[in-house]
Amino acid sequence: MSPIVHSLLTITTALLVPVVAALFAMTLVRLLDLGGFIREWWERAVDRRDWNLASRSLVAGDPSSRPLLDSVTAMSSLRSLVGTFIRRSAADDFRQLLVDKHAVDLEIESAGRLARLSFSIRVAPMLGLIGTLIPLGPALMNLSDGDIGGMATQLVIAFGTTVLGLLVGGVAYGQWLVRRQWYASDLADIEFLQVVLATTRDDDA
């Protein structure tokens, strides 16, 4: 074996351990996040009923500012982005400039959360593919040496990393689809509240 080929084999083989470790770490993160995802799904199912009732009361309620602001503040217990928006805005006494800033901040935060899922969607299958290709070289060498047991071990590693990478990417993609819908709905509700609060300020003026 030439020195170049030997060096290439050494480098690629050395990469297998960090690749497998990264896959296990991403799998653990996805499993932990899956528990949070299920909890968030349940909380949103409960909060959605409360929000639907509260938003209708805002439209049909007293147009004077104080009762309307009190109605908005009463929804601060919501656990979605809407609740976060109301809590932050109430802490700043619903000043319009800060209300708009909180809405933009939450849009950026929701994009960041989706970006972390996008990272898993793209990187996990890539790591799975790398983990598949790296053991194939040693497996072929074992085959040429007649070491069937060693070849089988390398192939198990290769196929296992493929499955793990695709599994992590698939779970992350499913969460990304659902969370994208959640955040789009939240941001639409926040925009509705911005209009309500802006109308209230106009009435005060």
N, C-alpha and C. Protein backbone atom coordinates (compact mmCIF):
# COMPACT_ATOMS: atom_id res chain seq x y z
N MET A 1 0.85 -1.19 0.00
CA MET A 1 0.00 0.00 0.00
C MET A 1 0.89 1.25 0.00
N SER A 2 0.62 2.17 -0.90
CA SER A 2 1.42 3.38 -0.99
C SER A 2 1.20 4.26 0.23
N PRO A 3 2.17 5.12 0.57
CA PRO A 3 2.00 6.00 1.74
C PRO A 3 0.78 6.91 1.64
N ILE A 4 0.47 7.38 0.43
CA ILE A 4 -0.68 8.27 0.27
C ILE A 4 -1.97 7.53 0.59
N VAL A 5 -2.13 6.33 0.04
CA VAL A 5 -3.33 5.55 0.30
C VAL A 5 -3.43 5.18 1.77
N HIS A 6 -2.29 4.85 2.37
CA HIS A 6 -2.27 4.50 3.79
C HIS A 6 -2.66 5.69 4.65
N SER A 7 -2.16 6.87 4.30
CA SER A 7 -2.52 8.08 5.05
C SER A 7 -4.00 8.40 4.90
N LEU A 8 -4.54 8.25 3.69
CA LEU A 8 -5.95 8.49 3.45
C LEU A 8 -6.82 7.54 4.26
N LEU A 9 -6.42 6.27 4.30
CA LEU A 9 -7.18 5.28 5.07
C LEU A 9 -7.12 5.59 6.56
N THR A 10 -5.96 6.03 7.02
CA THR A 10 -5.82 6.36 8.44
C THR A 10 -6.70 7.54 8.83
N ILE A 11 -6.70 8.57 7.98
CA ILE A 11 -7.49 9.77 8.28
C ILE A 11 -8.98 9.46 8.28
N THR A 12 -9.44 8.76 7.24
CA THR A 12 -10.87 8.47 7.15
C THR A 12 -11.31 7.53 8.27
N THR A 13 -10.48 6.58 8.61
CA THR A 13 -10.83 5.67 9.71
C THR A 13 -10.91 6.41 11.03
N ALA A 14 -10.00 7.38 11.23
CA ALA A 14 -10.01 8.17 12.47
C ALA A 14 -11.27 9.02 12.58
N LEU A 15 -11.89 9.36 11.45
CA LEU A 15 -13.11 10.18 11.47
C LEU A 15 -14.33 9.40 11.91
N LEU A 16 -14.25 8.06 11.89
CA LEU A 16 -15.43 7.26 12.19
C LEU A 16 -15.92 7.48 13.61
N VAL A 17 -15.00 7.55 14.56
CA VAL A 17 -15.41 7.71 15.96
C VAL A 17 -16.14 9.03 16.19
N PRO A 18 -15.60 10.19 15.77
CA PRO A 18 -16.37 11.43 15.97
C PRO A 18 -17.69 11.46 15.21
N VAL A 19 -17.73 10.82 14.04
CA VAL A 19 -18.99 10.79 13.27
C VAL A 19 -20.05 10.00 14.03
N VAL A 20 -19.68 8.83 14.52
CA VAL A 20 -20.64 8.02 15.29
C VAL A 20 -21.04 8.73 16.58
N ALA A 21 -20.08 9.38 17.24
CA ALA A 21 -20.38 10.11 18.48
C ALA A 21 -21.35 11.26 18.19
N ALA A 22 -21.14 11.97 17.08
CA ALA A 22 -22.04 13.06 16.71
C ALA A 22 -23.44 12.54 16.42
N LEU A 23 -23.52 11.39 15.75
CA LEU A 23 -24.84 10.80 15.47
C LEU A 23 -25.57 10.42 16.75
N PHE A 24 -24.84 9.83 17.70
CA PHE A 24 -25.46 9.48 18.97
C PHE A 24 -25.91 10.73 19.73
N ALA A 25 -25.09 11.78 19.67
CA ALA A 25 -25.46 13.03 20.35
C ALA A 25 -26.71 13.64 19.72
N MET A 26 -26.79 13.64 18.39
CA MET A 26 -27.96 14.19 17.72
C MET A 26 -29.19 13.34 17.99
N THR A 27 -29.01 12.02 18.09
CA THR A 27 -30.13 11.15 18.43
C THR A 27 -30.65 11.45 19.83
N LEU A 28 -29.74 11.65 20.78
CA LEU A 28 -30.15 11.99 22.14
C LEU A 28 -30.89 13.31 22.19
N VAL A 29 -30.39 14.30 21.46
CA VAL A 29 -31.06 15.61 21.41
C VAL A 29 -32.45 15.48 20.83
N ARG A 30 -32.59 14.71 19.76
CA ARG A 30 -33.91 14.54 19.15
C ARG A 30 -34.87 13.82 20.09
N LEU A 31 -34.39 12.82 20.83
CA LEU A 31 -35.26 12.11 21.77
C LEU A 31 -35.73 13.03 22.89
N LEU A 32 -34.81 13.85 23.41
CA LEU A 32 -35.19 14.80 24.45
C LEU A 32 -36.17 15.84 23.91
N ASP A 33 -35.90 16.32 22.70
CA ASP A 33 -36.77 17.33 22.11
C ASP A 33 -38.12 16.73 21.74
N LEU A 34 -38.16 15.43 21.46
CA LEU A 34 -39.44 14.79 21.15
C LEU A 34 -40.37 14.82 22.35
N GLY A 35 -39.81 14.64 23.55
CA GLY A 35 -40.64 14.76 24.75
C GLY A 35 -41.19 16.17 24.91
N GLY A 36 -40.34 17.17 24.68
CA GLY A 36 -40.82 18.55 24.73
C GLY A 36 -41.83 18.85 23.64
N PHE A 37 -41.64 18.24 22.49
CA PHE A 37 -42.57 18.44 21.38
C PHE A 37 -43.97 17.92 21.73
N ILE A 38 -44.03 16.74 22.33
CA ILE A 38 -45.32 16.17 22.72
C ILE A 38 -45.99 17.03 23.79
N ARG A 39 -45.20 17.51 24.76
CA ARG A 39 -45.75 18.38 25.80
C ARG A 39 -46.28 19.68 25.18
N GLU A 40 -45.52 20.25 24.25
CA GLU A 40 -45.94 21.49 23.60
C GLU A 40 -47.21 21.27 22.79
N TRP A 41 -47.30 20.12 22.13
CA TRP A 41 -48.52 19.82 21.37
C TRP A 41 -49.74 19.82 22.27
N TRP A 42 -49.61 19.20 23.46
CA TRP A 42 -50.74 19.14 24.40
C TRP A 42 -51.08 20.53 24.91
N GLU A 43 -50.07 21.30 25.28
CA GLU A 43 -50.31 22.64 25.80
C GLU A 43 -50.98 23.53 24.76
N ARG A 44 -50.55 23.40 23.52
CA ARG A 44 -51.14 24.21 22.46
C ARG A 44 -52.59 23.81 22.18
N ALA A 45 -52.89 22.53 22.32
CA ALA A 45 -54.27 22.10 22.13
C ALA A 45 -55.18 22.72 23.17
N VAL A 46 -54.70 22.85 24.40
CA VAL A 46 -55.48 23.49 25.46
C VAL A 46 -55.55 24.99 25.25
N ASP A 47 -54.40 25.60 24.95
CA ASP A 47 -54.34 27.05 24.79
C ASP A 47 -55.13 27.53 23.58
N ARG A 48 -55.23 26.71 22.55
CA ARG A 48 -55.93 27.14 21.34
C ARG A 48 -57.40 27.43 21.63
N ARG A 49 -58.03 26.61 22.47
CA ARG A 49 -59.43 26.86 22.83
C ARG A 49 -59.56 28.18 23.57
N ASP A 50 -58.64 28.42 24.52
CA ASP A 50 -58.69 29.67 25.28
C ASP A 50 -58.46 30.87 24.37
N TRP A 51 -57.52 30.73 23.44
CA TRP A 51 -57.23 31.85 22.54
C TRP A 51 -58.41 32.15 21.64
N ASN A 52 -59.07 31.13 21.11
CA ASN A 52 -60.21 31.36 20.23
C ASN A 52 -61.32 32.13 20.95
N LEU A 53 -61.58 31.77 22.19
CA LEU A 53 -62.60 32.49 22.97
C LEU A 53 -62.16 33.91 23.26
N ALA A 54 -60.89 34.07 23.66
CA ALA A 54 -60.40 35.40 24.03
C ALA A 54 -60.33 36.32 22.82
N SER A 55 -59.91 35.81 21.68
CA SER A 55 -59.79 36.67 20.50
C SER A 55 -61.16 37.14 20.03
N ARG A 56 -62.18 36.30 20.16
CA ARG A 56 -63.53 36.73 19.79
C ARG A 56 -64.03 37.81 20.74
N SER A 57 -63.69 37.67 22.02
CA SER A 57 -64.11 38.69 22.99
C SER A 57 -63.40 40.02 22.73
N LEU A 58 -62.18 39.97 22.21
CA LEU A 58 -61.47 41.21 21.89
C LEU A 58 -62.17 41.96 20.76
N VAL A 59 -62.63 41.21 19.76
CA VAL A 59 -63.30 41.84 18.62
C VAL A 59 -64.65 42.42 19.03
N ALA A 60 -65.35 41.69 19.91
CA ALA A 60 -66.70 42.11 20.28
C ALA A 60 -66.72 42.95 21.56
N GLY A 61 -65.56 43.19 22.17
CA GLY A 61 -65.51 43.84 23.47
C GLY A 61 -65.61 45.35 23.40
N ASP A 62 -65.45 45.94 24.57
CA ASP A 62 -65.48 47.38 24.72
C ASP A 62 -64.28 48.00 24.02
N PRO A 63 -64.50 48.99 23.15
CA PRO A 63 -63.38 49.58 22.43
C PRO A 63 -62.50 50.50 23.27
N SER A 64 -62.92 50.83 24.50
CA SER A 64 -62.09 51.69 25.35
C SER A 64 -60.83 50.95 25.74
N SER A 65 -59.75 51.67 26.00
CA SER A 65 -58.43 51.07 26.08
C SER A 65 -58.22 50.20 27.30
N ARG A 66 -58.61 50.65 28.48
CA ARG A 66 -58.23 49.91 29.68
C ARG A 66 -58.85 48.52 29.74
N PRO A 67 -60.17 48.39 29.53
CA PRO A 67 -60.71 47.01 29.52
C PRO A 67 -60.08 46.13 28.44
N LEU A 68 -59.76 46.74 27.30
CA LEU A 68 -59.17 45.96 26.22
C LEU A 68 -57.76 45.50 26.60
N LEU A 69 -56.99 46.40 27.18
CA LEU A 69 -55.65 46.03 27.62
C LEU A 69 -55.70 44.98 28.72
N ASP A 70 -56.69 45.10 29.60
CA ASP A 70 -56.84 44.10 30.66
C ASP A 70 -57.17 42.74 30.05
N SER A 71 -57.96 42.72 28.99
CA SER A 71 -58.32 41.46 28.33
C SER A 71 -57.10 40.83 27.67
N VAL A 72 -56.27 41.67 27.07
CA VAL A 72 -55.05 41.17 26.45
C VAL A 72 -54.11 40.62 27.51
N THR A 73 -53.93 41.37 28.61
CA THR A 73 -53.04 40.93 29.69
C THR A 73 -53.50 39.62 30.29
N ALA A 74 -54.81 39.40 30.35
CA ALA A 74 -55.34 38.17 30.93
C ALA A 74 -54.92 36.94 30.13
N MET A 75 -54.48 37.12 28.89
CA MET A 75 -54.06 35.99 28.06
C MET A 75 -52.56 35.70 28.20
N SER A 76 -51.90 36.33 29.15
CA SER A 76 -50.46 36.15 29.30
C SER A 76 -50.08 34.75 29.76
N SER A 77 -51.07 33.97 30.22
CA SER A 77 -50.78 32.61 30.67
C SER A 77 -50.63 31.63 29.50
N LEU A 78 -50.94 32.08 28.29
CA LEU A 78 -50.75 31.22 27.12
C LEU A 78 -49.29 30.82 27.00
N ARG A 79 -49.05 29.55 26.63
CA ARG A 79 -47.69 29.04 26.61
C ARG A 79 -47.05 29.05 25.22
N SER A 80 -47.74 29.65 24.27
CA SER A 80 -47.20 29.76 22.92
C SER A 80 -46.42 31.06 22.78
N LEU A 81 -46.00 31.37 21.57
CA LEU A 81 -45.33 32.64 21.32
C LEU A 81 -46.25 33.82 21.63
N VAL A 82 -47.55 33.60 21.50
CA VAL A 82 -48.51 34.67 21.79
C VAL A 82 -48.43 35.06 23.26
N GLY A 83 -48.37 34.07 24.14
CA GLY A 83 -48.25 34.36 25.56
C GLY A 83 -46.95 35.09 25.87
N THR A 84 -45.86 34.67 25.24
CA THR A 84 -44.58 35.35 25.44
C THR A 84 -44.66 36.80 24.97
N PHE A 85 -45.31 37.02 23.83
CA PHE A 85 -45.47 38.38 23.30
C PHE A 85 -46.28 39.25 24.27
N ILE A 86 -47.34 38.71 24.81
CA ILE A 86 -48.18 39.49 25.73
C ILE A 86 -47.42 39.81 27.01
N ARG A 87 -46.70 38.83 27.55
CA ARG A 87 -45.95 39.08 28.79
C ARG A 87 -44.88 40.14 28.59
N ARG A 88 -44.16 40.06 27.49
CA ARG A 88 -43.11 41.06 27.23
C ARG A 88 -43.72 42.44 26.99
N SER A 89 -44.82 42.48 26.24
CA SER A 89 -45.45 43.77 25.96
C SER A 89 -46.07 44.38 27.21
N ALA A 90 -46.69 43.55 28.04
CA ALA A 90 -47.29 44.05 29.27
C ALA A 90 -46.22 44.61 30.21
N ALA A 91 -45.05 43.97 30.23
CA ALA A 91 -43.96 44.47 31.08
C ALA A 91 -43.51 45.86 30.64
N ASP A 92 -43.72 46.19 29.36
CA ASP A 92 -43.37 47.52 28.84
C ASP A 92 -44.59 48.41 28.68
N ASP A 93 -45.68 48.06 29.37
CA ASP A 93 -46.91 48.86 29.38
C ASP A 93 -47.48 49.05 27.98
N PHE A 94 -47.28 48.07 27.13
CA PHE A 94 -47.85 48.06 25.78
C PHE A 94 -47.47 49.31 24.97
N ARG A 95 -46.27 49.82 25.18
CA ARG A 95 -45.81 50.94 24.35
C ARG A 95 -45.58 50.44 22.93
N GLN A 96 -46.14 51.17 21.98
CA GLN A 96 -46.26 50.67 20.62
C GLN A 96 -44.91 50.30 20.00
N LEU A 97 -43.91 51.14 20.21
CA LEU A 97 -42.61 50.85 19.61
C LEU A 97 -42.03 49.55 20.15
N LEU A 98 -42.17 49.32 21.46
CA LEU A 98 -41.65 48.10 22.06
C LEU A 98 -42.51 46.90 21.70
N VAL A 99 -43.81 47.11 21.55
CA VAL A 99 -44.70 46.03 21.11
C VAL A 99 -44.26 45.52 19.74
N ASP A 100 -43.97 46.44 18.83
CA ASP A 100 -43.52 46.05 17.50
C ASP A 100 -42.17 45.34 17.57
N LYS A 101 -41.28 45.80 18.45
CA LYS A 101 -39.98 45.17 18.58
C LYS A 101 -40.11 43.74 19.11
N HIS A 102 -40.99 43.53 20.09
CA HIS A 102 -41.19 42.18 20.62
C HIS A 102 -41.72 41.25 19.54
N ALA A 103 -42.59 41.76 18.69
CA ALA A 103 -43.13 40.93 17.60
C ALA A 103 -42.01 40.51 16.65
N VAL A 104 -41.13 41.44 16.31
CA VAL A 104 -40.01 41.12 15.42
C VAL A 104 -39.05 40.16 16.10
N ASP A 105 -38.78 40.38 17.39
CA ASP A 105 -37.88 39.49 18.13
C ASP A 105 -38.40 38.06 18.13
N LEU A 106 -39.69 37.89 18.33
CA LEU A 106 -40.27 36.54 18.37
C LEU A 106 -40.25 35.89 17.00
N GLU A 107 -40.38 36.69 15.97
CA GLU A 107 -40.27 36.13 14.61
C GLU A 107 -38.86 35.60 14.38
N ILE A 108 -37.86 36.35 14.85
CA ILE A 108 -36.47 35.91 14.71
C ILE A 108 -36.22 34.66 15.56
N GLU A 109 -36.76 34.64 16.78
CA GLU A 109 -36.57 33.48 17.66
C GLU A 109 -37.20 32.23 17.06
N SER A 110 -38.40 32.37 16.49
CA SER A 110 -39.05 31.20 15.88
C SER A 110 -38.25 30.71 14.68
N ALA A 111 -37.68 31.64 13.91
CA ALA A 111 -36.84 31.24 12.77
C ALA A 111 -35.60 30.50 13.27
N GLY A 112 -35.05 30.93 14.42
CA GLY A 112 -33.89 30.25 14.99
C GLY A 112 -34.21 28.83 15.43
N ARG A 113 -35.38 28.64 16.02
CA ARG A 113 -35.77 27.30 16.44
C ARG A 113 -35.94 26.38 15.24
N LEU A 114 -36.52 26.90 14.18
CA LEU A 114 -36.68 26.09 12.97
C LEU A 114 -35.33 25.81 12.31
N ALA A 115 -34.41 26.78 12.44
CA ALA A 115 -33.07 26.58 11.86
C ALA A 115 -32.34 25.43 12.54
N ARG A 116 -32.54 25.29 13.86
CA ARG A 116 -31.89 24.17 14.57
C ARG A 116 -32.43 22.84 14.08
N LEU A 117 -33.72 22.78 13.79
CA LEU A 117 -34.29 21.56 13.23
C LEU A 117 -33.77 21.33 11.81
N SER A 118 -33.64 22.40 11.05
CA SER A 118 -33.12 22.27 9.69
C SER A 118 -31.70 21.73 9.70
N PHE A 119 -30.92 22.12 10.72
CA PHE A 119 -29.57 21.60 10.85
C PHE A 119 -29.59 20.08 10.99
N SER A 120 -30.47 19.56 11.85
CA SER A 120 -30.56 18.11 12.03
C SER A 120 -31.06 17.43 10.77
N ILE A 121 -32.00 18.08 10.07
CA ILE A 121 -32.56 17.49 8.85
C ILE A 121 -31.48 17.26 7.80
N ARG A 122 -30.55 18.21 7.71
CA ARG A 122 -29.52 18.13 6.67
C ARG A 122 -28.28 17.38 7.13
N VAL A 123 -27.85 17.64 8.36
CA VAL A 123 -26.56 17.12 8.80
C VAL A 123 -26.64 15.65 9.20
N ALA A 124 -27.73 15.24 9.85
CA ALA A 124 -27.82 13.84 10.31
C ALA A 124 -27.71 12.84 9.16
N PRO A 125 -28.45 12.99 8.05
CA PRO A 125 -28.24 12.05 6.93
C PRO A 125 -26.84 12.13 6.34
N MET A 126 -26.24 13.33 6.34
CA MET A 126 -24.86 13.45 5.84
C MET A 126 -23.90 12.66 6.71
N LEU A 127 -24.06 12.78 8.04
CA LEU A 127 -23.21 12.00 8.93
C LEU A 127 -23.46 10.50 8.76
N GLY A 128 -24.74 10.14 8.54
CA GLY A 128 -25.05 8.74 8.30
C GLY A 128 -24.37 8.21 7.05
N LEU A 129 -24.34 9.04 6.00
CA LEU A 129 -23.66 8.63 4.77
C LEU A 129 -22.15 8.51 4.98
N ILE A 130 -21.57 9.47 5.70
CA ILE A 130 -20.14 9.39 5.99
C ILE A 130 -19.83 8.12 6.80
N GLY A 131 -20.70 7.88 7.81
CA GLY A 131 -20.51 6.68 8.62
C GLY A 131 -20.71 5.40 7.85
N THR A 132 -21.41 5.48 6.72
CA THR A 132 -21.58 4.31 5.86
C THR A 132 -20.34 4.06 4.99
N LEU A 133 -19.81 5.14 4.46
CA LEU A 133 -18.71 5.01 3.51
C LEU A 133 -17.38 4.67 4.18
N ILE A 134 -17.15 5.23 5.37
CA ILE A 134 -15.85 5.01 6.02
C ILE A 134 -15.55 3.53 6.26
N PRO A 135 -16.50 2.74 6.82
CA PRO A 135 -16.16 1.33 7.08
C PRO A 135 -16.05 0.45 5.83
N LEU A 136 -16.52 0.96 4.69
CA LEU A 136 -16.50 0.11 3.50
C LEU A 136 -15.06 -0.22 3.06
N GLY A 137 -14.15 0.75 3.23
CA GLY A 137 -12.75 0.48 2.87
C GLY A 137 -12.15 -0.64 3.70
N PRO A 138 -12.19 -0.56 5.04
CA PRO A 138 -11.70 -1.67 5.85
C PRO A 138 -12.44 -2.97 5.59
N ALA A 139 -13.76 -2.88 5.27
CA ALA A 139 -14.53 -4.10 4.99
C ALA A 139 -13.99 -4.80 3.75
N LEU A 140 -13.67 -4.03 2.72
CA LEU A 140 -13.12 -4.63 1.50
C LEU A 140 -11.74 -5.22 1.74
N MET A 141 -10.96 -4.54 2.59
CA MET A 141 -9.64 -5.08 2.92
C MET A 141 -9.77 -6.38 3.70
N ASN A 142 -10.74 -6.44 4.62
CA ASN A 142 -10.98 -7.69 5.37
C ASN A 142 -11.41 -8.81 4.43
N LEU A 143 -12.22 -8.43 3.43
CA LEU A 143 -12.67 -9.44 2.47
C LEU A 143 -11.48 -9.99 1.67
N SER A 144 -10.58 -9.09 1.27
CA SER A 144 -9.42 -9.55 0.50
C SER A 144 -8.50 -10.42 1.33
N ASP A 145 -8.51 -10.21 2.65
CA ASP A 145 -7.69 -11.02 3.55
C ASP A 145 -8.41 -12.29 4.02
N GLY A 146 -9.66 -12.44 3.62
CA GLY A 146 -10.43 -13.61 4.03
C GLY A 146 -11.00 -13.51 5.42
N ASP A 147 -11.00 -12.29 5.99
CA ASP A 147 -11.54 -12.08 7.35
C ASP A 147 -13.02 -11.72 7.24
N ILE A 148 -13.86 -12.73 7.15
CA ILE A 148 -15.29 -12.49 6.97
C ILE A 148 -15.90 -11.85 8.22
N GLY A 149 -15.44 -12.26 9.41
CA GLY A 149 -15.96 -11.69 10.65
C GLY A 149 -15.68 -10.20 10.75
N GLY A 150 -14.46 -9.79 10.40
CA GLY A 150 -14.12 -8.37 10.42
C GLY A 150 -14.93 -7.58 9.41
N MET A 151 -15.13 -8.17 8.23
CA MET A 151 -15.94 -7.50 7.21
C MET A 151 -17.38 -7.32 7.69
N ALA A 152 -17.93 -8.35 8.34
CA ALA A 152 -19.30 -8.26 8.84
C ALA A 152 -19.43 -7.15 9.87
N THR A 153 -18.44 -7.02 10.75
CA THR A 153 -18.47 -5.96 11.76
C THR A 153 -18.49 -4.58 11.11
N GLN A 154 -17.64 -4.40 10.11
CA GLN A 154 -17.58 -3.11 9.42
C GLN A 154 -18.90 -2.79 8.72
N LEU A 155 -19.53 -3.81 8.13
CA LEU A 155 -20.80 -3.59 7.43
C LEU A 155 -21.93 -3.26 8.41
N VAL A 156 -21.89 -3.88 9.58
CA VAL A 156 -22.89 -3.55 10.61
C VAL A 156 -22.78 -2.09 11.00
N ILE A 157 -21.55 -1.61 11.18
CA ILE A 157 -21.34 -0.20 11.50
C ILE A 157 -21.85 0.68 10.36
N ALA A 158 -21.54 0.29 9.13
CA ALA A 158 -21.93 1.09 7.98
C ALA A 158 -23.45 1.21 7.88
N PHE A 159 -24.15 0.09 7.95
CA PHE A 159 -25.60 0.13 7.81
C PHE A 159 -26.27 0.77 9.04
N GLY A 160 -25.68 0.57 10.21
CA GLY A 160 -26.24 1.15 11.43
C GLY A 160 -26.20 2.67 11.41
N THR A 161 -25.10 3.24 10.96
CA THR A 161 -25.01 4.70 10.89
C THR A 161 -25.97 5.27 9.85
N THR A 162 -26.18 4.55 8.78
CA THR A 162 -27.15 4.99 7.77
C THR A 162 -28.55 5.08 8.37
N VAL A 163 -28.96 4.03 9.04
CA VAL A 163 -30.30 4.00 9.65
C VAL A 163 -30.44 5.11 10.68
N LEU A 164 -29.42 5.28 11.52
CA LEU A 164 -29.48 6.29 12.57
C LEU A 164 -29.57 7.69 11.98
N GLY A 165 -28.77 7.96 10.96
CA GLY A 165 -28.80 9.28 10.34
C GLY A 165 -30.14 9.59 9.69
N LEU A 166 -30.69 8.61 8.98
CA LEU A 166 -32.00 8.81 8.34
C LEU A 166 -33.10 8.95 9.37
N LEU A 167 -33.01 8.21 10.47
CA LEU A 167 -34.03 8.30 11.52
C LEU A 167 -34.04 9.68 12.16
N VAL A 168 -32.85 10.16 12.51
CA VAL A 168 -32.76 11.49 13.12
C VAL A 168 -33.27 12.56 12.15
N GLY A 169 -32.86 12.48 10.90
CA GLY A 169 -33.32 13.45 9.91
C GLY A 169 -34.82 13.39 9.69
N GLY A 170 -35.40 12.18 9.68
CA GLY A 170 -36.84 12.04 9.49
C GLY A 170 -37.64 12.60 10.64
N VAL A 171 -37.20 12.31 11.87
CA VAL A 171 -37.89 12.85 13.06
C VAL A 171 -37.80 14.37 13.08
N ALA A 172 -36.61 14.90 12.79
CA ALA A 172 -36.43 16.36 12.77
C ALA A 172 -37.30 17.00 11.70
N TYR A 173 -37.43 16.35 10.55
CA TYR A 173 -38.26 16.91 9.47
C TYR A 173 -39.73 16.95 9.88
N GLY A 174 -40.19 15.89 10.53
CA GLY A 174 -41.58 15.88 11.00
C GLY A 174 -41.83 16.99 12.00
N GLN A 175 -40.91 17.18 12.94
CA GLN A 175 -41.05 18.26 13.92
C GLN A 175 -40.99 19.62 13.24
N TRP A 176 -40.14 19.76 12.24
CA TRP A 176 -40.02 21.03 11.53
C TRP A 176 -41.32 21.39 10.83
N LEU A 177 -41.96 20.42 10.20
CA LEU A 177 -43.23 20.69 9.51
C LEU A 177 -44.29 21.17 10.48
N VAL A 178 -44.42 20.48 11.61
CA VAL A 178 -45.45 20.84 12.58
C VAL A 178 -45.14 22.19 13.23
N ARG A 179 -43.88 22.36 13.64
CA ARG A 179 -43.52 23.61 14.33
C ARG A 179 -43.61 24.82 13.38
N ARG A 180 -43.32 24.61 12.12
CA ARG A 180 -43.48 25.71 11.16
C ARG A 180 -44.92 26.18 11.12
N GLN A 181 -45.85 25.23 11.15
CA GLN A 181 -47.27 25.59 11.17
C GLN A 181 -47.64 26.28 12.48
N TRP A 182 -47.13 25.76 13.59
CA TRP A 182 -47.40 26.39 14.88
C TRP A 182 -46.94 27.83 14.90
N TYR A 183 -45.70 28.06 14.49
CA TYR A 183 -45.14 29.40 14.58
C TYR A 183 -45.80 30.36 13.61
N ALA A 184 -46.19 29.86 12.44
CA ALA A 184 -46.91 30.71 11.49
C ALA A 184 -48.24 31.15 12.08
N SER A 185 -48.93 30.23 12.75
CA SER A 185 -50.19 30.57 13.41
C SER A 185 -49.97 31.57 14.55
N ASP A 186 -48.91 31.34 15.34
CA ASP A 186 -48.60 32.26 16.44
C ASP A 186 -48.30 33.66 15.93
N LEU A 187 -47.50 33.75 14.88
CA LEU A 187 -47.14 35.07 14.36
C LEU A 187 -48.34 35.78 13.75
N ALA A 188 -49.27 35.02 13.17
CA ALA A 188 -50.51 35.63 12.68
C ALA A 188 -51.34 36.17 13.84
N ASP A 189 -51.41 35.43 14.95
CA ASP A 189 -52.14 35.89 16.12
C ASP A 189 -51.47 37.12 16.74
N ILE A 190 -50.13 37.13 16.74
CA ILE A 190 -49.40 38.30 17.25
C ILE A 190 -49.68 39.52 16.38
N GLU A 191 -49.73 39.33 15.09
CA GLU A 191 -50.05 40.44 14.19
C GLU A 191 -51.45 40.98 14.47
N PHE A 192 -52.38 40.07 14.75
CA PHE A 192 -53.73 40.48 15.12
C PHE A 192 -53.72 41.32 16.39
N LEU A 193 -52.94 40.89 17.38
CA LEU A 193 -52.86 41.65 18.63
C LEU A 193 -52.20 43.01 18.40
N GLN A 194 -51.22 43.08 17.52
CA GLN A 194 -50.61 44.37 17.20
C GLN A 194 -51.65 45.34 16.65
N VAL A 195 -52.51 44.84 15.78
CA VAL A 195 -53.56 45.69 15.21
C VAL A 195 -54.52 46.14 16.30
N VAL A 196 -54.89 45.21 17.19
CA VAL A 196 -55.80 45.54 18.28
C VAL A 196 -55.19 46.60 19.18
N LEU A 197 -53.93 46.42 19.54
CA LEU A 197 -53.26 47.38 20.42
C LEU A 197 -53.06 48.72 19.74
N ALA A 198 -52.74 48.71 18.45
CA ALA A 198 -52.58 49.96 17.71
C ALA A 198 -53.91 50.71 17.62
N THR A 199 -55.01 49.97 17.43
CA THR A 199 -56.33 50.59 17.38
C THR A 199 -56.68 51.21 18.73
N THR A 200 -56.30 50.51 19.79
CA THR A 200 -56.57 51.04 21.13
C THR A 200 -55.82 52.35 21.35
N ARG A 201 -54.56 52.40 20.93
CA ARG A 201 -53.78 53.62 21.09
C ARG A 201 -54.37 54.74 20.26
N ASP A 202 -54.86 54.42 19.07
CA ASP A 202 -55.48 55.43 18.23
C ASP A 202 -56.74 55.99 18.88
N ASP A 203 -57.51 55.10 19.53
CA ASP A 203 -58.72 55.54 20.21
C ASP A 203 -58.36 56.47 21.38
N ASP A 204 -57.26 56.14 22.07
CA ASP A 204 -56.82 56.99 23.18
C ASP A 204 -56.43 58.37 22.69
N ALA A 205 -55.77 58.38 21.52
CA ALA A 205 -55.33 59.66 20.96
C ALA A 205 -56.51 60.51 20.54
